[in-house]
N, C-alpha and C. Protein backbone atom coordinates (compact mmCIF):
# COMPACT_ATOMS: atom_id res chain seq x y z
N MET A 1 155.41 173.86 51.17
CA MET A 1 154.55 174.93 51.61
C MET A 1 154.23 174.71 53.09
N LYS A 2 154.45 175.72 53.87
CA LYS A 2 154.26 175.63 55.31
C LYS A 2 152.98 176.36 55.69
N LEU A 3 152.09 175.65 56.44
CA LEU A 3 150.85 176.28 56.91
C LEU A 3 151.12 176.93 58.25
N ASP A 4 150.65 178.13 58.42
CA ASP A 4 150.83 178.75 59.72
C ASP A 4 149.73 178.28 60.68
N PHE A 5 149.87 178.61 61.91
CA PHE A 5 148.99 178.13 62.99
C PHE A 5 147.54 178.55 62.76
N LYS A 6 147.29 179.79 62.33
CA LYS A 6 145.92 180.29 62.15
C LYS A 6 145.18 179.50 61.07
N ILE A 7 145.84 179.21 59.97
CA ILE A 7 145.20 178.46 58.88
C ILE A 7 144.88 177.04 59.34
N THR A 8 145.78 176.42 60.09
CA THR A 8 145.56 175.08 60.60
C THR A 8 144.34 175.06 61.52
N VAL A 9 144.22 176.03 62.41
CA VAL A 9 143.08 176.11 63.34
C VAL A 9 141.79 176.30 62.56
N ILE A 10 141.79 177.14 61.55
CA ILE A 10 140.59 177.39 60.74
C ILE A 10 140.17 176.10 60.02
N ILE A 11 141.11 175.38 59.47
CA ILE A 11 140.80 174.13 58.77
C ILE A 11 140.18 173.12 59.74
N VAL A 12 140.75 173.00 60.93
CA VAL A 12 140.23 172.07 61.93
C VAL A 12 138.82 172.49 62.35
N LEU A 13 138.60 173.78 62.60
CA LEU A 13 137.27 174.27 62.99
C LEU A 13 136.24 174.02 61.91
N VAL A 14 136.59 174.26 60.66
CA VAL A 14 135.66 174.01 59.55
C VAL A 14 135.30 172.52 59.51
N GLY A 15 136.27 171.66 59.72
CA GLY A 15 136.01 170.22 59.74
C GLY A 15 135.08 169.82 60.87
N VAL A 16 135.34 170.36 62.07
CA VAL A 16 134.49 170.06 63.24
C VAL A 16 133.07 170.56 63.00
N ILE A 17 132.93 171.76 62.48
CA ILE A 17 131.60 172.31 62.20
C ILE A 17 130.88 171.45 61.16
N GLY A 18 131.60 171.01 60.17
CA GLY A 18 131.00 170.14 59.15
C GLY A 18 130.50 168.83 59.75
N ILE A 19 131.27 168.23 60.63
CA ILE A 19 130.86 166.99 61.28
C ILE A 19 129.63 167.24 62.16
N LEU A 20 129.67 168.29 62.97
CA LEU A 20 128.54 168.60 63.85
C LEU A 20 127.27 168.90 63.08
N THR A 21 127.38 169.62 61.96
CA THR A 21 126.18 169.93 61.19
C THR A 21 125.58 168.65 60.62
N GLY A 22 126.37 167.67 60.33
CA GLY A 22 125.83 166.39 59.85
C GLY A 22 124.98 165.72 60.91
N PHE A 23 125.31 165.92 62.19
CA PHE A 23 124.55 165.32 63.28
C PHE A 23 123.32 166.15 63.65
N ILE A 24 123.38 167.47 63.43
CA ILE A 24 122.32 168.34 63.91
C ILE A 24 121.24 168.57 62.86
N VAL A 25 121.49 168.25 61.61
CA VAL A 25 120.50 168.47 60.56
C VAL A 25 119.22 167.73 60.93
N GLY A 26 118.09 168.37 60.81
CA GLY A 26 116.81 167.74 61.13
C GLY A 26 116.47 167.78 62.60
N ARG A 27 117.03 168.69 63.34
CA ARG A 27 116.81 168.79 64.78
C ARG A 27 115.37 169.21 65.07
N LYS A 28 114.69 168.44 65.98
CA LYS A 28 113.31 168.76 66.39
C LYS A 28 113.20 168.51 67.88
N ASN A 29 112.48 169.37 68.56
CA ASN A 29 112.19 169.19 69.99
C ASN A 29 113.43 168.83 70.80
N ASN A 30 114.52 169.50 70.56
CA ASN A 30 115.77 169.28 71.28
C ASN A 30 116.35 167.88 71.09
N GLU A 31 115.92 167.17 70.05
CA GLU A 31 116.51 165.87 69.75
C GLU A 31 117.46 166.03 68.59
N ILE A 32 118.53 165.29 68.61
CA ILE A 32 119.49 165.36 67.52
C ILE A 32 119.21 164.20 66.58
N ALA A 33 118.98 164.51 65.31
CA ALA A 33 118.76 163.47 64.32
C ALA A 33 120.11 163.00 63.82
N LEU A 34 120.39 161.72 63.99
CA LEU A 34 121.66 161.17 63.55
C LEU A 34 121.59 160.80 62.09
N PRO A 35 122.72 160.69 61.43
CA PRO A 35 122.72 160.31 60.02
C PRO A 35 122.04 158.95 59.82
N ALA A 36 121.53 158.71 58.62
CA ALA A 36 120.78 157.48 58.32
C ALA A 36 121.61 156.23 58.56
N THR A 37 122.92 156.29 58.39
CA THR A 37 123.75 155.10 58.57
C THR A 37 123.78 154.63 60.02
N THR A 38 123.49 155.52 60.97
CA THR A 38 123.54 155.13 62.38
C THR A 38 122.53 154.03 62.67
N THR A 39 121.32 154.11 62.11
CA THR A 39 120.29 153.11 62.35
C THR A 39 120.76 151.74 61.90
N ALA A 40 121.36 151.64 60.73
CA ALA A 40 121.84 150.36 60.23
C ALA A 40 122.94 149.81 61.13
N ILE A 41 123.83 150.68 61.57
CA ILE A 41 124.92 150.26 62.44
C ILE A 41 124.35 149.79 63.78
N ASP A 42 123.43 150.57 64.35
CA ASP A 42 122.82 150.19 65.63
C ASP A 42 122.10 148.86 65.52
N GLY A 43 121.37 148.65 64.41
CA GLY A 43 120.67 147.38 64.20
C GLY A 43 121.64 146.21 64.15
N LYS A 44 122.75 146.40 63.47
CA LYS A 44 123.75 145.35 63.37
C LYS A 44 124.38 145.08 64.74
N LEU A 45 124.70 146.16 65.47
CA LEU A 45 125.26 146.00 66.82
C LEU A 45 124.29 145.29 67.74
N ALA A 46 123.02 145.68 67.67
CA ALA A 46 122.00 145.07 68.53
C ALA A 46 121.85 143.58 68.20
N LYS A 47 121.85 143.24 66.92
CA LYS A 47 121.72 141.84 66.51
C LYS A 47 122.92 141.04 66.99
N GLU A 48 124.12 141.59 66.81
CA GLU A 48 125.33 140.89 67.28
C GLU A 48 125.31 140.73 68.79
N TYR A 49 124.89 141.77 69.51
CA TYR A 49 124.83 141.70 70.97
C TYR A 49 123.84 140.63 71.41
N LYS A 50 122.68 140.60 70.76
CA LYS A 50 121.67 139.60 71.12
C LYS A 50 122.20 138.19 70.89
N GLU A 51 122.80 137.95 69.72
CA GLU A 51 123.28 136.61 69.38
C GLU A 51 124.48 136.19 70.21
N GLN A 52 125.44 137.10 70.39
CA GLN A 52 126.69 136.73 71.03
C GLN A 52 126.65 136.81 72.56
N VAL A 53 125.73 137.60 73.10
CA VAL A 53 125.71 137.78 74.55
C VAL A 53 124.43 137.22 75.16
N LEU A 54 123.28 137.74 74.73
CA LEU A 54 122.02 137.34 75.36
C LEU A 54 121.70 135.87 75.10
N VAL A 55 121.70 135.46 73.85
CA VAL A 55 121.36 134.07 73.51
C VAL A 55 122.37 133.11 74.14
N LYS A 56 123.62 133.47 74.14
CA LYS A 56 124.65 132.62 74.76
C LYS A 56 124.37 132.45 76.25
N THR A 57 124.03 133.52 76.94
CA THR A 57 123.73 133.45 78.37
C THR A 57 122.50 132.59 78.63
N ILE A 58 121.48 132.74 77.79
CA ILE A 58 120.27 131.93 77.96
C ILE A 58 120.59 130.46 77.74
N ARG A 59 121.39 130.15 76.73
CA ARG A 59 121.77 128.74 76.50
C ARG A 59 122.57 128.18 77.68
N GLU A 60 123.48 128.99 78.21
CA GLU A 60 124.28 128.54 79.35
C GLU A 60 123.42 128.28 80.58
N ASN A 61 122.28 128.97 80.67
CA ASN A 61 121.38 128.83 81.82
C ASN A 61 120.11 128.07 81.47
N ALA A 62 120.15 127.29 80.40
CA ALA A 62 118.95 126.57 79.94
C ALA A 62 118.39 125.66 81.02
N LYS A 63 119.25 124.99 81.76
CA LYS A 63 118.76 124.08 82.81
C LYS A 63 118.01 124.84 83.89
N ASP A 64 118.46 126.04 84.17
CA ASP A 64 117.80 126.89 85.14
C ASP A 64 116.38 127.23 84.68
N LEU A 65 116.25 127.62 83.40
CA LEU A 65 114.94 127.95 82.85
C LEU A 65 114.06 126.71 82.68
N GLN A 66 114.68 125.56 82.43
CA GLN A 66 113.91 124.32 82.28
C GLN A 66 113.19 123.95 83.57
N GLN A 67 113.72 124.36 84.70
CA GLN A 67 113.05 124.07 85.98
C GLN A 67 111.65 124.67 85.99
N CYS A 68 111.50 125.86 85.41
CA CYS A 68 110.18 126.49 85.31
C CYS A 68 109.25 125.64 84.44
N TYR A 69 109.78 125.15 83.33
CA TYR A 69 109.00 124.34 82.40
C TYR A 69 108.62 123.01 83.05
N PHE A 70 109.55 122.37 83.76
CA PHE A 70 109.26 121.10 84.41
C PHE A 70 108.19 121.27 85.50
N ALA A 71 108.23 122.40 86.20
CA ALA A 71 107.19 122.68 87.19
C ALA A 71 105.82 122.80 86.51
N LEU A 72 105.79 123.39 85.33
CA LEU A 72 104.55 123.49 84.56
C LEU A 72 104.06 122.10 84.18
N LEU A 73 104.97 121.26 83.67
CA LEU A 73 104.59 119.90 83.26
C LEU A 73 104.07 119.08 84.44
N ASP A 74 104.62 119.30 85.62
CA ASP A 74 104.15 118.58 86.81
C ASP A 74 102.70 118.90 87.14
N SER A 75 102.22 120.06 86.72
CA SER A 75 100.83 120.44 86.99
C SER A 75 99.86 119.89 85.94
N LYS A 76 100.35 119.04 85.03
CA LYS A 76 99.55 118.40 83.98
C LYS A 76 98.72 119.41 83.18
N PRO A 77 99.40 120.33 82.48
CA PRO A 77 98.67 121.35 81.72
C PRO A 77 98.09 120.78 80.43
N LYS A 78 97.13 121.51 79.85
CA LYS A 78 96.57 121.11 78.56
C LYS A 78 97.60 121.30 77.46
N VAL A 79 98.33 122.41 77.52
CA VAL A 79 99.35 122.73 76.52
C VAL A 79 100.70 122.36 77.10
N THR A 80 101.42 121.43 76.43
CA THR A 80 102.71 120.98 76.96
C THR A 80 103.90 121.49 76.17
N GLU A 81 103.65 122.09 75.02
CA GLU A 81 104.73 122.65 74.21
C GLU A 81 104.31 124.03 73.72
N GLY A 82 105.28 124.92 73.65
CA GLY A 82 104.97 126.26 73.17
C GLY A 82 106.13 127.19 73.42
N SER A 83 105.82 128.47 73.34
CA SER A 83 106.89 129.45 73.51
C SER A 83 106.41 130.65 74.32
N LEU A 84 107.39 131.35 74.84
CA LEU A 84 107.18 132.62 75.54
C LEU A 84 107.99 133.67 74.79
N THR A 85 107.39 134.79 74.51
CA THR A 85 108.13 135.91 73.95
C THR A 85 108.39 136.87 75.10
N VAL A 86 109.66 137.20 75.28
CA VAL A 86 110.08 137.99 76.43
C VAL A 86 110.70 139.30 75.94
N LEU A 87 110.30 140.41 76.56
CA LEU A 87 110.94 141.70 76.30
C LEU A 87 111.89 141.95 77.46
N ILE A 88 113.18 141.92 77.16
CA ILE A 88 114.22 142.00 78.17
C ILE A 88 114.85 143.39 78.14
N LYS A 89 114.90 144.03 79.31
CA LYS A 89 115.55 145.34 79.40
C LYS A 89 116.90 145.16 80.07
N VAL A 90 117.96 145.53 79.35
CA VAL A 90 119.33 145.39 79.84
C VAL A 90 119.85 146.77 80.23
N GLU A 91 120.34 146.89 81.45
CA GLU A 91 120.90 148.15 81.92
C GLU A 91 122.31 148.35 81.35
N GLU A 92 122.86 149.54 81.53
CA GLU A 92 124.19 149.87 81.00
C GLU A 92 125.27 148.96 81.54
N ASP A 93 125.10 148.45 82.77
CA ASP A 93 126.11 147.58 83.36
C ASP A 93 125.92 146.11 83.00
N GLY A 94 124.86 145.79 82.22
CA GLY A 94 124.62 144.42 81.79
C GLY A 94 123.59 143.68 82.64
N LYS A 95 123.10 144.30 83.71
CA LYS A 95 122.07 143.67 84.54
C LYS A 95 120.75 143.66 83.79
N ILE A 96 120.03 142.55 83.84
CA ILE A 96 118.69 142.50 83.27
C ILE A 96 117.75 143.06 84.33
N SER A 97 117.20 144.24 84.08
CA SER A 97 116.36 144.89 85.08
C SER A 97 114.91 144.46 84.98
N SER A 98 114.48 144.03 83.80
CA SER A 98 113.12 143.51 83.69
C SER A 98 113.04 142.52 82.54
N ALA A 99 112.18 141.54 82.71
CA ALA A 99 111.91 140.54 81.68
C ALA A 99 110.40 140.34 81.67
N LYS A 100 109.73 141.05 80.76
CA LYS A 100 108.27 141.00 80.69
C LYS A 100 107.84 140.04 79.58
N ILE A 101 106.93 139.15 79.92
CA ILE A 101 106.42 138.20 78.94
C ILE A 101 105.37 138.94 78.10
N THR A 102 105.58 139.02 76.79
CA THR A 102 104.64 139.72 75.92
C THR A 102 103.72 138.74 75.20
N LYS A 103 104.11 137.46 75.14
CA LYS A 103 103.27 136.44 74.52
C LYS A 103 103.52 135.13 75.25
N ASN A 104 102.44 134.47 75.66
CA ASN A 104 102.55 133.23 76.43
C ASN A 104 101.62 132.20 75.81
N GLU A 105 102.15 131.25 75.06
CA GLU A 105 101.34 130.21 74.43
C GLU A 105 100.80 129.21 75.46
N PHE A 106 101.39 129.19 76.64
CA PHE A 106 100.95 128.27 77.68
C PHE A 106 99.79 128.83 78.50
N GLN A 107 99.63 130.14 78.48
CA GLN A 107 98.61 130.82 79.29
C GLN A 107 98.74 130.45 80.76
N ASP A 108 99.98 130.39 81.25
CA ASP A 108 100.22 130.01 82.64
C ASP A 108 101.00 131.12 83.33
N PRO A 109 100.37 131.83 84.27
CA PRO A 109 101.06 132.94 84.94
C PRO A 109 102.22 132.48 85.83
N LYS A 110 102.17 131.25 86.35
CA LYS A 110 103.28 130.76 87.18
C LYS A 110 104.54 130.59 86.34
N LEU A 111 104.37 130.07 85.13
CA LEU A 111 105.52 129.93 84.22
C LEU A 111 106.09 131.30 83.89
N GLU A 112 105.23 132.25 83.59
CA GLU A 112 105.67 133.63 83.30
C GLU A 112 106.50 134.18 84.45
N GLY A 113 105.96 134.08 85.66
CA GLY A 113 106.65 134.62 86.83
C GLY A 113 107.99 133.95 87.07
N CYS A 114 108.02 132.63 86.93
CA CYS A 114 109.26 131.88 87.17
C CYS A 114 110.34 132.29 86.15
N VAL A 115 109.96 132.31 84.87
CA VAL A 115 110.94 132.66 83.81
C VAL A 115 111.41 134.10 83.99
N SER A 116 110.50 135.02 84.26
CA SER A 116 110.88 136.42 84.45
C SER A 116 111.85 136.56 85.62
N GLN A 117 111.53 135.90 86.72
CA GLN A 117 112.38 135.98 87.91
C GLN A 117 113.79 135.45 87.64
N LYS A 118 113.87 134.34 86.94
CA LYS A 118 115.20 133.77 86.65
C LYS A 118 115.98 134.68 85.70
N LEU A 119 115.33 135.17 84.65
CA LEU A 119 116.03 136.05 83.71
C LEU A 119 116.52 137.32 84.39
N GLU A 120 115.72 137.87 85.30
CA GLU A 120 116.11 139.11 85.99
C GLU A 120 117.28 138.91 86.95
N SER A 121 117.65 137.66 87.20
CA SER A 121 118.81 137.41 88.06
C SER A 121 120.11 137.32 87.26
N TYR A 122 120.03 137.39 85.94
CA TYR A 122 121.21 137.25 85.08
C TYR A 122 121.90 138.59 84.85
N TYR A 123 123.21 138.50 84.68
CA TYR A 123 124.02 139.64 84.25
C TYR A 123 124.62 139.29 82.90
N LEU A 124 124.67 140.26 82.02
CA LEU A 124 125.26 140.09 80.70
C LEU A 124 126.45 141.02 80.59
N ALA A 125 127.21 140.85 79.52
CA ALA A 125 128.25 141.83 79.23
C ALA A 125 127.55 143.16 78.95
N PRO A 126 128.13 144.27 79.38
CA PRO A 126 127.48 145.56 79.11
C PRO A 126 127.23 145.76 77.61
N PRO A 127 126.05 146.26 77.25
CA PRO A 127 125.76 146.46 75.82
C PRO A 127 126.53 147.63 75.25
N PRO A 128 126.78 147.63 73.95
CA PRO A 128 127.48 148.75 73.31
C PRO A 128 126.69 150.05 73.50
N MET A 129 127.39 151.15 73.58
CA MET A 129 126.75 152.46 73.77
C MET A 129 125.83 152.76 72.59
N GLY A 130 124.70 153.32 72.91
CA GLY A 130 123.81 153.81 71.87
C GLY A 130 122.81 152.82 71.31
N ILE A 131 122.90 151.53 71.65
CA ILE A 131 121.91 150.61 71.10
C ILE A 131 120.70 150.54 72.02
N ASN A 132 119.58 150.18 71.44
CA ASN A 132 118.36 150.00 72.22
C ASN A 132 118.57 148.79 73.13
N ARG A 133 118.37 148.97 74.40
CA ARG A 133 118.64 147.90 75.34
C ARG A 133 117.37 147.14 75.71
N ASN A 134 116.30 147.30 74.93
CA ASN A 134 115.08 146.51 75.09
C ASN A 134 115.11 145.46 73.99
N ILE A 135 115.30 144.22 74.37
CA ILE A 135 115.53 143.16 73.40
C ILE A 135 114.41 142.13 73.52
N SER A 136 113.79 141.80 72.40
CA SER A 136 112.75 140.79 72.37
C SER A 136 113.39 139.44 72.03
N HIS A 137 112.97 138.41 72.74
CA HIS A 137 113.53 137.08 72.49
C HIS A 137 112.44 136.03 72.71
N VAL A 138 112.46 134.97 71.91
CA VAL A 138 111.48 133.89 72.03
C VAL A 138 112.15 132.70 72.69
N LEU A 139 111.51 132.20 73.75
CA LEU A 139 111.97 130.99 74.44
C LEU A 139 111.03 129.87 74.06
N ALA A 140 111.53 128.82 73.42
CA ALA A 140 110.70 127.69 73.01
C ALA A 140 110.88 126.55 74.01
N PHE A 141 109.77 125.98 74.43
CA PHE A 141 109.79 124.85 75.36
C PHE A 141 109.13 123.66 74.68
N LYS A 142 109.86 122.53 74.65
CA LYS A 142 109.37 121.33 73.98
C LYS A 142 109.59 120.12 74.88
N THR A 143 108.75 119.11 74.67
CA THR A 143 108.94 117.88 75.43
C THR A 143 110.21 117.20 74.94
N GLU A 144 110.71 116.29 75.73
CA GLU A 144 111.95 115.60 75.37
C GLU A 144 111.79 114.83 74.06
N GLU A 145 110.62 114.22 73.87
CA GLU A 145 110.36 113.45 72.64
C GLU A 145 110.47 114.34 71.41
N THR A 146 109.82 115.49 71.45
CA THR A 146 109.87 116.41 70.31
C THR A 146 111.29 116.92 70.08
N ALA A 147 111.99 117.25 71.15
CA ALA A 147 113.37 117.74 71.02
C ALA A 147 114.26 116.69 70.37
N GLN A 148 114.09 115.42 70.78
CA GLN A 148 114.90 114.35 70.19
C GLN A 148 114.56 114.14 68.71
N LYS A 149 113.27 114.19 68.36
CA LYS A 149 112.87 114.06 66.95
C LYS A 149 113.51 115.17 66.11
N GLU A 150 113.42 116.40 66.61
CA GLU A 150 113.99 117.52 65.87
C GLU A 150 115.50 117.40 65.75
N ALA A 151 116.17 116.92 66.79
CA ALA A 151 117.63 116.75 66.75
C ALA A 151 117.99 115.69 65.70
N ARG A 152 117.25 114.59 65.66
CA ARG A 152 117.51 113.55 64.64
C ARG A 152 117.29 114.10 63.25
N ALA A 153 116.24 114.88 63.05
CA ALA A 153 115.95 115.46 61.74
C ALA A 153 117.06 116.41 61.31
N ARG A 154 117.55 117.25 62.25
CA ARG A 154 118.65 118.16 61.92
C ARG A 154 119.91 117.39 61.57
N GLU A 155 120.17 116.33 62.33
CA GLU A 155 121.36 115.52 62.08
C GLU A 155 121.28 114.86 60.71
N ALA A 156 120.12 114.31 60.37
CA ALA A 156 119.95 113.65 59.07
C ALA A 156 120.09 114.66 57.93
N LYS A 157 119.60 115.86 58.15
CA LYS A 157 119.67 116.89 57.13
C LYS A 157 121.11 117.36 56.91
N SER A 158 121.92 117.34 57.95
CA SER A 158 123.29 117.84 57.84
C SER A 158 124.26 116.80 57.29
N ARG A 159 123.85 115.54 57.27
CA ARG A 159 124.73 114.50 56.72
C ARG A 159 124.82 114.64 55.21
N PRO A 160 126.01 114.41 54.66
CA PRO A 160 126.12 114.45 53.20
C PRO A 160 125.39 113.25 52.59
N PRO A 161 124.89 113.38 51.38
CA PRO A 161 124.17 112.26 50.76
C PRO A 161 125.13 111.10 50.49
N LYS A 162 124.58 109.90 50.54
CA LYS A 162 125.39 108.72 50.25
C LYS A 162 125.61 108.66 48.74
N LEU A 163 126.84 108.40 48.38
CA LEU A 163 127.19 108.29 46.97
C LEU A 163 127.44 106.82 46.64
N PHE A 164 126.82 106.38 45.58
CA PHE A 164 127.00 105.00 45.18
C PHE A 164 127.93 104.98 43.98
N PRO A 165 128.78 103.93 43.89
CA PRO A 165 129.69 103.86 42.74
C PRO A 165 128.91 103.67 41.45
N VAL A 166 129.38 104.32 40.40
CA VAL A 166 128.75 104.22 39.09
C VAL A 166 129.39 103.07 38.36
N LYS A 167 128.57 102.22 37.74
CA LYS A 167 129.10 101.04 37.02
C LYS A 167 129.30 101.34 35.58
C-alpha cells in the first residue's frame, strides 16, 4: 500500500500537534507547563552535573580553598571546624557568576568573602540545557587531626573482616 504525499503530511502534522499539546497543557501566564517526567529528568541531570562537574572542580581546587581556612585558623578563632553552605550560580558558559554563603558555622565574614571570591574565579563545563543553574553545596572544613581520624575510621570500615581458621 502506497501512501500519497498529502496523507503523509497530515500524519506528520497530527503527530507534531500531539507532541506540542503535551507541552502546552496547563499553560498559565505565558508559561509552558512541561510534562511531569521533565522534573525527574532535570533533577537527575542536575545531580549528575553537581557530582561530576562542580564537586570534581572543588576537589581539584581544594588547596586553593584551604588557604581561606588556614587564614581563619591563623586568627585563632573560637570555632575551628565547621561548614559553609554556598549557593553557586553557574552561567550557560560554565562561569561561576556568584557564590553566596547561605550558612556559615564559623560566623566569619572574611572566610565567606575569601571562599566566594575563589569560587567565582572558577569555570566549569557548561551545564546541560534546561537545568536550574543555582546549585547549593556544603564545604566542610576540619582540622588536620580530625581529618586524619576520619580517614583512619573510613579505612578501617572498608577493610574486610579478619577470618580465623575453624578447628
